[in-house]
Amino acid sequence: KEQAETFVATEDGSVGTKGNVLDAIRANALTADVI
């Protein structure tokens, strides 16, 4: 979080989006050019 805007996914939903990293990307409508 000190480096850049940070999003989180957890399998059990305890922090951030429940699911995986792609679920977090879609839930937050994130876009980019390179991974």
PDB file of all heavy atoms in Angstrom:
ATOM      1  N   LYS A   1       0.823  -1.214   0.000  1.00  0.00           N
ATOM      2  CA  LYS A   1       0.000   0.000   0.000  1.00  0.00           C
ATOM      3  C   LYS A   1       0.857   1.264   0.000  1.00  0.00           C
ATOM      4  O   LYS A   1       0.413   2.315  -0.461  1.00  0.00           O
ATOM      5  CB  LYS A   1      -0.936  -0.011   1.208  1.00  0.00           C
ATOM      6  CG  LYS A   1      -2.060  -1.035   1.104  1.00  0.00           C
ATOM      7  CD  LYS A   1      -2.941  -1.009   2.343  1.00  0.00           C
ATOM      8  CE  LYS A   1      -4.095  -1.985   2.227  1.00  0.00           C
ATOM      9  NZ  LYS A   1      -4.934  -2.003   3.460  1.00  0.00           N
ATOM     10  N   GLU A   2       2.089   1.154   0.505  1.00  0.00           N
ATOM     11  CA  GLU A   2       2.999   2.301   0.487  1.00  0.00           C
ATOM     12  C   GLU A   2       3.513   2.604  -0.915  1.00  0.00           C
ATOM     13  O   GLU A   2       4.000   3.709  -1.187  1.00  0.00           O
ATOM     14  CB  GLU A   2       4.188   2.039   1.415  1.00  0.00           C
ATOM     15  CG  GLU A   2       3.825   1.972   2.898  1.00  0.00           C
ATOM     16  CD  GLU A   2       4.996   1.512   3.743  1.00  0.00           C
ATOM     17  OE1 GLU A   2       6.091   1.293   3.176  1.00  0.00           O
ATOM     18  OE2 GLU A   2       4.822   1.348   4.966  1.00  0.00           O
ATOM     19  N   GLN A   3       3.420   1.628  -1.809  1.00  0.00           N
ATOM     20  CA  GLN A   3       3.979   1.788  -3.152  1.00  0.00           C
ATOM     21  C   GLN A   3       2.960   2.297  -4.171  1.00  0.00           C
ATOM     22  O   GLN A   3       3.297   3.082  -5.055  1.00  0.00           O
ATOM     23  CB  GLN A   3       4.568   0.452  -3.643  1.00  0.00           C
ATOM     24  CG  GLN A   3       5.584  -0.177  -2.712  1.00  0.00           C
ATOM     25  CD  GLN A   3       6.712   0.764  -2.336  1.00  0.00           C
ATOM     26  OE1 GLN A   3       7.244   1.473  -3.194  1.00  0.00           O
ATOM     27  NE2 GLN A   3       7.079   0.779  -1.059  1.00  0.00           N
ATOM     28  N   ALA A   4       1.710   1.826  -4.064  1.00  0.00           N
ATOM     29  CA  ALA A   4       0.691   2.191  -5.053  1.00  0.00           C
ATOM     30  C   ALA A   4      -0.681   1.779  -4.539  1.00  0.00           C
ATOM     31  O   ALA A   4      -0.797   1.070  -3.524  1.00  0.00           O
ATOM     32  CB  ALA A   4       0.973   1.509  -6.392  1.00  0.00           C
ATOM     33  N   GLU A   5      -1.723   2.192  -5.251  1.00  0.00           N
ATOM     34  CA  GLU A   5      -3.091   1.785  -4.922  1.00  0.00           C
ATOM     35  C   GLU A   5      -3.162   0.252  -4.960  1.00  0.00           C
ATOM     36  O   GLU A   5      -2.738  -0.363  -5.953  1.00  0.00           O
ATOM     37  CB  GLU A   5      -4.068   2.385  -5.931  1.00  0.00           C
ATOM     38  CG  GLU A   5      -5.525   2.172  -5.574  1.00  0.00           C
ATOM     39  CD  GLU A   5      -6.472   2.840  -6.563  1.00  0.00           C
ATOM     40  OE1 GLU A   5      -6.041   3.132  -7.706  1.00  0.00           O
ATOM     41  OE2 GLU A   5      -7.640   3.069  -6.193  1.00  0.00           O
ATOM     42  N   THR A   6      -3.680  -0.333  -3.908  1.00  0.00           N
ATOM     43  CA  THR A   6      -3.628  -1.787  -3.748  1.00  0.00           C
ATOM     44  C   THR A   6      -5.019  -2.368  -3.497  1.00  0.00           C
ATOM     45  O   THR A   6      -5.784  -1.835  -2.687  1.00  0.00           O
ATOM     46  CB  THR A   6      -2.692  -2.165  -2.586  1.00  0.00           C
ATOM     47  OG1 THR A   6      -1.379  -1.658  -2.860  1.00  0.00           O
ATOM     48  CG2 THR A   6      -2.603  -3.671  -2.410  1.00  0.00           C
ATOM     49  N   PHE A   7      -5.316  -3.463  -4.193  1.00  0.00           N
ATOM     50  CA  PHE A   7      -6.583  -4.168  -4.055  1.00  0.00           C
ATOM     51  C   PHE A   7      -6.298  -5.600  -3.592  1.00  0.00           C
ATOM     52  O   PHE A   7      -5.256  -6.174  -3.931  1.00  0.00           O
ATOM     53  CB  PHE A   7      -7.340  -4.178  -5.381  1.00  0.00           C
ATOM     54  CG  PHE A   7      -7.642  -2.798  -5.890  1.00  0.00           C
ATOM     55  CD1 PHE A   7      -6.698  -2.092  -6.646  1.00  0.00           C
ATOM     56  CD2 PHE A   7      -8.843  -2.173  -5.605  1.00  0.00           C
ATOM     57  CE1 PHE A   7      -6.957  -0.816  -7.112  1.00  0.00           C
ATOM     58  CE2 PHE A   7      -9.116  -0.890  -6.060  1.00  0.00           C
ATOM     59  CZ  PHE A   7      -8.170  -0.208  -6.812  1.00  0.00           C
ATOM     60  N   VAL A   8      -7.238  -6.165  -2.842  1.00  0.00           N
ATOM     61  CA  VAL A   8      -7.014  -7.473  -2.226  1.00  0.00           C
ATOM     62  C   VAL A   8      -8.173  -8.411  -2.527  1.00  0.00           C
ATOM     63  O   VAL A   8      -9.341  -7.998  -2.526  1.00  0.00           O
ATOM     64  CB  VAL A   8      -6.867  -7.342  -0.695  1.00  0.00           C
ATOM     65  CG1 VAL A   8      -6.584  -8.707  -0.063  1.00  0.00           C
ATOM     66  CG2 VAL A   8      -5.771  -6.354  -0.340  1.00  0.00           C
ATOM     67  N   ALA A   9      -7.831  -9.672  -2.754  1.00  0.00           N
ATOM     68  CA  ALA A   9      -8.817 -10.746  -2.815  1.00  0.00           C
ATOM     69  C   ALA A   9      -8.416 -11.810  -1.806  1.00  0.00           C
ATOM     70  O   ALA A   9      -7.228 -12.116  -1.661  1.00  0.00           O
ATOM     71  CB  ALA A   9      -8.873 -11.360  -4.213  1.00  0.00           C
ATOM     72  N   THR A  10      -9.400 -12.351  -1.085  1.00  0.00           N
ATOM     73  CA  THR A  10      -9.144 -13.485  -0.197  1.00  0.00           C
ATOM     74  C   THR A  10     -10.140 -14.598  -0.508  1.00  0.00           C
ATOM     75  O   THR A  10     -11.311 -14.330  -0.823  1.00  0.00           O
ATOM     76  CB  THR A  10      -9.273 -13.090   1.294  1.00  0.00           C
ATOM     77  OG1 THR A  10     -10.514 -12.412   1.502  1.00  0.00           O
ATOM     78  CG2 THR A  10      -8.136 -12.180   1.714  1.00  0.00           C
ATOM     79  N   GLU A  11      -9.658 -15.828  -0.413  1.00  0.00           N
ATOM     80  CA  GLU A  11     -10.515 -16.968  -0.731  1.00  0.00           C
ATOM     81  C   GLU A  11     -11.734 -17.037   0.179  1.00  0.00           C
ATOM     82  O   GLU A  11     -12.823 -17.427  -0.253  1.00  0.00           O
ATOM     83  CB  GLU A  11      -9.706 -18.267  -0.643  1.00  0.00           C
ATOM     84  CG  GLU A  11      -8.664 -18.417  -1.739  1.00  0.00           C
ATOM     85  CD  GLU A  11      -7.860 -19.698  -1.598  1.00  0.00           C
ATOM     86  OE1 GLU A  11      -8.296 -20.600  -0.857  1.00  0.00           O
ATOM     87  OE2 GLU A  11      -6.791 -19.798  -2.235  1.00  0.00           O
ATOM     88  N   ASP A  12     -11.535 -16.664   1.451  1.00  0.00           N
ATOM     89  CA  ASP A  12     -12.652 -16.759   2.404  1.00  0.00           C
ATOM     90  C   ASP A  12     -13.428 -15.452   2.568  1.00  0.00           C
ATOM     91  O   ASP A  12     -14.368 -15.374   3.362  1.00  0.00           O
ATOM     92  CB  ASP A  12     -12.157 -17.254   3.770  1.00  0.00           C
ATOM     93  CG  ASP A  12     -11.190 -16.284   4.446  1.00  0.00           C
ATOM     94  OD1 ASP A  12     -10.923 -15.199   3.878  1.00  0.00           O
ATOM     95  OD2 ASP A  12     -10.706 -16.601   5.544  1.00  0.00           O
ATOM     96  N   GLY A  13     -13.018 -14.413   1.822  1.00  0.00           N
ATOM     97  CA  GLY A  13     -13.740 -13.149   1.885  1.00  0.00           C
ATOM     98  C   GLY A  13     -13.478 -12.317   3.124  1.00  0.00           C
ATOM     99  O   GLY A  13     -14.149 -11.318   3.360  1.00  0.00           O
ATOM    100  N   SER A  14     -12.471 -12.689   3.915  1.00  0.00           N
ATOM    101  CA  SER A  14     -12.201 -11.974   5.167  1.00  0.00           C
ATOM    102  C   SER A  14     -11.621 -10.587   4.941  1.00  0.00           C
ATOM    103  O   SER A  14     -11.776  -9.697   5.781  1.00  0.00           O
ATOM    104  CB  SER A  14     -11.256 -12.799   6.057  1.00  0.00           C
ATOM    105  OG  SER A  14     -10.061 -13.121   5.361  1.00  0.00           O
ATOM    106  N   VAL A  15     -10.940 -10.375   3.811  1.00  0.00           N
ATOM    107  CA  VAL A  15     -10.375  -9.059   3.468  1.00  0.00           C
ATOM    108  C   VAL A  15     -10.626  -8.821   1.983  1.00  0.00           C
ATOM    109  O   VAL A  15     -10.428  -9.713   1.154  1.00  0.00           O
ATOM    110  CB  VAL A  15      -8.855  -8.991   3.755  1.00  0.00           C
ATOM    111  CG1 VAL A  15      -8.316  -7.602   3.427  1.00  0.00           C
ATOM    112  CG2 VAL A  15      -8.543  -9.359   5.193  1.00  0.00           C
ATOM    113  N   GLY A  16     -11.065  -7.623   1.645  1.00  0.00           N
ATOM    114  CA  GLY A  16     -11.251  -7.269   0.243  1.00  0.00           C
ATOM    115  C   GLY A  16     -12.332  -8.070  -0.445  1.00  0.00           C
ATOM    116  O   GLY A  16     -13.338  -8.448   0.155  1.00  0.00           O
ATOM    117  N   THR A  17     -12.106  -8.359  -1.725  1.00  0.00           N
ATOM    118  CA  THR A  17     -13.065  -9.105  -2.539  1.00  0.00           C
ATOM    119  C   THR A  17     -12.973 -10.594  -2.233  1.00  0.00           C
ATOM    120  O   THR A  17     -11.877 -11.146  -2.146  1.00  0.00           O
ATOM    121  CB  THR A  17     -12.771  -8.871  -4.038  1.00  0.00           C
ATOM    122  OG1 THR A  17     -12.817  -7.475  -4.318  1.00  0.00           O
ATOM    123  CG2 THR A  17     -13.767  -9.607  -4.915  1.00  0.00           C
ATOM    124  N   LYS A  18     -14.107 -11.252  -2.087  1.00  0.00           N
ATOM    125  CA  LYS A  18     -14.093 -12.708  -1.903  1.00  0.00           C
ATOM    126  C   LYS A  18     -13.846 -13.368  -3.259  1.00  0.00           C
ATOM    127  O   LYS A  18     -14.536 -13.088  -4.241  1.00  0.00           O
ATOM    128  CB  LYS A  18     -15.416 -13.203  -1.326  1.00  0.00           C
ATOM    129  CG  LYS A  18     -15.410 -14.711  -1.061  1.00  0.00           C
ATOM    130  CD  LYS A  18     -16.660 -15.185  -0.366  1.00  0.00           C
ATOM    131  CE  LYS A  18     -16.560 -16.680  -0.077  1.00  0.00           C
ATOM    132  NZ  LYS A  18     -17.754 -17.182   0.640  1.00  0.00           N
ATOM    133  N   GLY A  19     -12.823 -14.213  -3.311  1.00  0.00           N
ATOM    134  CA  GLY A  19     -12.495 -14.895  -4.558  1.00  0.00           C
ATOM    135  C   GLY A  19     -11.021 -14.773  -4.880  1.00  0.00           C
ATOM    136  O   GLY A  19     -10.177 -14.792  -3.985  1.00  0.00           O
ATOM    137  N   ASN A  20     -10.726 -14.622  -6.171  1.00  0.00           N
ATOM    138  CA  ASN A  20      -9.326 -14.560  -6.602  1.00  0.00           C
ATOM    139  C   ASN A  20      -8.985 -13.179  -7.157  1.00  0.00           C
ATOM    140  O   ASN A  20      -9.816 -12.269  -7.138  1.00  0.00           O
ATOM    141  CB  ASN A  20      -9.045 -15.663  -7.632  1.00  0.00           C
ATOM    142  CG  ASN A  20      -9.951 -15.563  -8.852  1.00  0.00           C
ATOM    143  OD1 ASN A  20     -10.282 -14.460  -9.310  1.00  0.00           O
ATOM    144  ND2 ASN A  20     -10.353 -16.700  -9.404  1.00  0.00           N
ATOM    145  N   VAL A  21      -7.779 -13.039  -7.658  1.00  0.00           N
ATOM    146  CA  VAL A  21      -7.321 -11.715  -8.100  1.00  0.00           C
ATOM    147  C   VAL A  21      -8.135 -11.188  -9.277  1.00  0.00           C
ATOM    148  O   VAL A  21      -8.379  -9.979  -9.380  1.00  0.00           O
ATOM    149  CB  VAL A  21      -5.804 -11.727  -8.442  1.00  0.00           C
ATOM    150  CG1 VAL A  21      -4.970 -11.910  -7.181  1.00  0.00           C
ATOM    151  CG2 VAL A  21      -5.467 -12.796  -9.486  1.00  0.00           C
ATOM    152  N   LEU A  22      -8.587 -12.075 -10.154  1.00  0.00           N
ATOM    153  CA  LEU A  22      -9.421 -11.623 -11.263  1.00  0.00           C
ATOM    154  C   LEU A  22     -10.772 -11.130 -10.765  1.00  0.00           C
ATOM    155  O   LEU A  22     -11.337 -10.176 -11.321  1.00  0.00           O
ATOM    156  CB  LEU A  22      -9.604 -12.742 -12.288  1.00  0.00           C
ATOM    157  CG  LEU A  22      -8.472 -12.915 -13.296  1.00  0.00           C
ATOM    158  CD1 LEU A  22      -8.716 -14.128 -14.190  1.00  0.00           C
ATOM    159  CD2 LEU A  22      -8.296 -11.668 -14.146  1.00  0.00           C
ATOM    160  N   ASP A  23     -11.297 -11.759  -9.726  1.00  0.00           N
ATOM    161  CA  ASP A  23     -12.539 -11.273  -9.119  1.00  0.00           C
ATOM    162  C   ASP A  23     -12.345  -9.855  -8.590  1.00  0.00           C
ATOM    163  O   ASP A  23     -13.233  -9.004  -8.729  1.00  0.00           O
ATOM    164  CB  ASP A  23     -12.986 -12.198  -7.981  1.00  0.00           C
ATOM    165  CG  ASP A  23     -13.399 -13.586  -8.473  1.00  0.00           C
ATOM    166  OD1 ASP A  23     -14.023 -13.665  -9.545  1.00  0.00           O
ATOM    167  OD2 ASP A  23     -13.072 -14.572  -7.792  1.00  0.00           O
ATOM    168  N   ALA A  24     -11.179  -9.586  -7.981  1.00  0.00           N
ATOM    169  CA  ALA A  24     -10.893  -8.243  -7.458  1.00  0.00           C
ATOM    170  C   ALA A  24     -10.764  -7.228  -8.590  1.00  0.00           C
ATOM    171  O   ALA A  24     -11.241  -6.088  -8.481  1.00  0.00           O
ATOM    172  CB  ALA A  24      -9.627  -8.264  -6.616  1.00  0.00           C
ATOM    173  N   ILE A  25     -10.126  -7.633  -9.691  1.00  0.00           N
ATOM    174  CA  ILE A  25      -9.990  -6.741 -10.849  1.00  0.00           C
ATOM    175  C   ILE A  25     -11.365  -6.373 -11.401  1.00  0.00           C
ATOM    176  O   ILE A  25     -11.667  -5.197 -11.670  1.00  0.00           O
ATOM    177  CB  ILE A  25      -9.115  -7.403 -11.933  1.00  0.00           C
ATOM    178  CG1 ILE A  25      -7.651  -7.431 -11.474  1.00  0.00           C
ATOM    179  CG2 ILE A  25      -9.249  -6.671 -13.274  1.00  0.00           C
ATOM    180  CD1 ILE A  25      -6.743  -8.263 -12.362  1.00  0.00           C
ATOM    181  N   ARG A  26     -12.228  -7.373 -11.549  1.00  0.00           N
ATOM    182  CA  ARG A  26     -13.561  -7.128 -12.117  1.00  0.00           C
ATOM    183  C   ARG A  26     -14.448  -6.363 -11.150  1.00  0.00           C
ATOM    184  O   ARG A  26     -15.195  -5.456 -11.559  1.00  0.00           O
ATOM    185  CB  ARG A  26     -14.184  -8.463 -12.504  1.00  0.00           C
ATOM    186  CG  ARG A  26     -13.479  -9.125 -13.698  1.00  0.00           C
ATOM    187  CD  ARG A  26     -14.005 -10.499 -13.998  1.00  0.00           C
ATOM    188  NE  ARG A  26     -13.390 -11.059 -15.194  1.00  0.00           N
ATOM    189  CZ  ARG A  26     -12.861 -12.287 -15.262  1.00  0.00           C
ATOM    190  NH1 ARG A  26     -12.881 -13.082 -14.200  1.00  0.00           N
ATOM    191  NH2 ARG A  26     -12.332 -12.718 -16.386  1.00  0.00           N
ATOM    192  N   ALA A  27     -14.363  -6.695  -9.854  1.00  0.00           N
ATOM    193  CA  ALA A  27     -15.211  -6.025  -8.854  1.00  0.00           C
ATOM    194  C   ALA A  27     -14.895  -4.539  -8.759  1.00  0.00           C
ATOM    195  O   ALA A  27     -15.772  -3.724  -8.445  1.00  0.00           O
ATOM    196  CB  ALA A  27     -15.038  -6.694  -7.489  1.00  0.00           C
ATOM    197  N   ASN A  28     -13.644  -4.187  -9.018  1.00  0.00           N
ATOM    198  CA  ASN A  28     -13.217  -2.789  -8.913  1.00  0.00           C
ATOM    199  C   ASN A  28     -13.077  -2.105 -10.269  1.00  0.00           C
ATOM    200  O   ASN A  28     -12.594  -0.979 -10.347  1.00  0.00           O
ATOM    201  CB  ASN A  28     -11.903  -2.711  -8.141  1.00  0.00           C
ATOM    202  CG  ASN A  28     -12.050  -3.115  -6.684  1.00  0.00           C
ATOM    203  OD1 ASN A  28     -12.541  -2.333  -5.870  1.00  0.00           O
ATOM    204  ND2 ASN A  28     -11.648  -4.341  -6.345  1.00  0.00           N
ATOM    205  N   ALA A  29     -13.515  -2.806 -11.338  1.00  0.00           N
ATOM    206  CA  ALA A  29     -13.492  -2.268 -12.711  1.00  0.00           C
ATOM    207  C   ALA A  29     -12.117  -1.711 -13.071  1.00  0.00           C
ATOM    208  O   ALA A  29     -11.982  -0.609 -13.609  1.00  0.00           O
ATOM    209  CB  ALA A  29     -14.572  -1.197 -12.880  1.00  0.00           C
ATOM    210  N   LEU A  30     -11.066  -2.479 -12.772  1.00  0.00           N
ATOM    211  CA  LEU A  30      -9.696  -2.040 -13.033  1.00  0.00           C
ATOM    212  C   LEU A  30      -9.292  -2.345 -14.478  1.00  0.00           C
ATOM    213  O   LEU A  30      -9.721  -3.352 -15.052  1.00  0.00           O
ATOM    214  CB  LEU A  30      -8.725  -2.737 -12.071  1.00  0.00           C
ATOM    215  CG  LEU A  30      -9.040  -2.617 -10.583  1.00  0.00           C
ATOM    216  CD1 LEU A  30      -7.993  -3.359  -9.771  1.00  0.00           C
ATOM    217  CD2 LEU A  30      -9.127  -1.161 -10.151  1.00  0.00           C
ATOM    218  N   THR A  31      -8.452  -1.495 -15.035  1.00  0.00           N
ATOM    219  CA  THR A  31      -7.942  -1.726 -16.392  1.00  0.00           C
ATOM    220  C   THR A  31      -6.448  -1.434 -16.434  1.00  0.00           C
ATOM    221  O   THR A  31      -5.938  -0.621 -15.661  1.00  0.00           O
ATOM    222  CB  THR A  31      -8.641  -0.820 -17.425  1.00  0.00           C
ATOM    223  OG1 THR A  31      -8.407   0.552 -17.085  1.00  0.00           O
ATOM    224  CG2 THR A  31     -10.140  -1.088 -17.476  1.00  0.00           C
ATOM    225  N   ALA A  32      -5.752  -2.112 -17.336  1.00  0.00           N
ATOM    226  CA  ALA A  32      -4.314  -1.897 -17.507  1.00  0.00           C
ATOM    227  C   ALA A  32      -3.900  -2.371 -18.894  1.00  0.00           C
ATOM    228  O   ALA A  32      -4.700  -2.960 -19.635  1.00  0.00           O
ATOM    229  CB  ALA A  32      -3.523  -2.634 -16.426  1.00  0.00           C
ATOM    230  N   ASP A  33      -2.636  -2.125 -19.228  1.00  0.00           N
ATOM    231  CA  ASP A  33      -2.080  -2.538 -20.524  1.00  0.00           C
ATOM    232  C   ASP A  33      -1.180  -3.759 -20.412  1.00  0.00           C
ATOM    233  O   ASP A  33      -0.958  -4.464 -21.395  1.00  0.00           O
ATOM    234  CB  ASP A  33      -1.260  -1.389 -21.131  1.00  0.00           C
ATOM    235  CG  ASP A  33      -2.051  -0.109 -21.247  1.00  0.00           C
ATOM    236  OD1 ASP A  33      -3.191  -0.140 -21.749  1.00  0.00           O
ATOM    237  OD2 ASP A  33      -1.532   0.952 -20.819  1.00  0.00           O
ATOM    238  N   VAL A  34      -0.606  -3.957 -19.230  1.00  0.00           N
ATOM    239  CA  VAL A  34       0.360  -5.035 -19.054  1.00  0.00           C
ATOM    240  C   VAL A  34       0.223  -5.622 -17.649  1.00  0.00           C
ATOM    241  O   VAL A  34      -0.108  -4.903 -16.698  1.00  0.00           O
ATOM    242  CB  VAL A  34       1.810  -4.527 -19.307  1.00  0.00           C
ATOM    243  CG1 VAL A  34       2.181  -3.403 -18.352  1.00  0.00           C
ATOM    244  CG2 VAL A  34       2.830  -5.665 -19.198  1.00  0.00           C
ATOM    245  N   ILE A  35       0.437  -6.926 -17.556  1.00  0.00           N
ATOM    246  CA  ILE A  35       0.387  -7.638 -16.277  1.00  0.00           C
ATOM    247  C   ILE A  35       1.780  -8.156 -15.941  1.00  0.00           C
ATOM    248  O   ILE A  35       2.460  -8.737 -16.797  1.00  0.00           O
ATOM    249  CB  ILE A  35      -0.585  -8.838 -16.344  1.00  0.00           C
ATOM    250  CG1 ILE A  35      -2.032  -8.362 -16.475  1.00  0.00           C
ATOM    251  CG2 ILE A  35      -0.438  -9.745 -15.120  1.00  0.00           C
ATOM    252  CD1 ILE A  35      -3.028  -9.491 -16.730  1.00  0.00           C
TER     253      ILE A  35
END
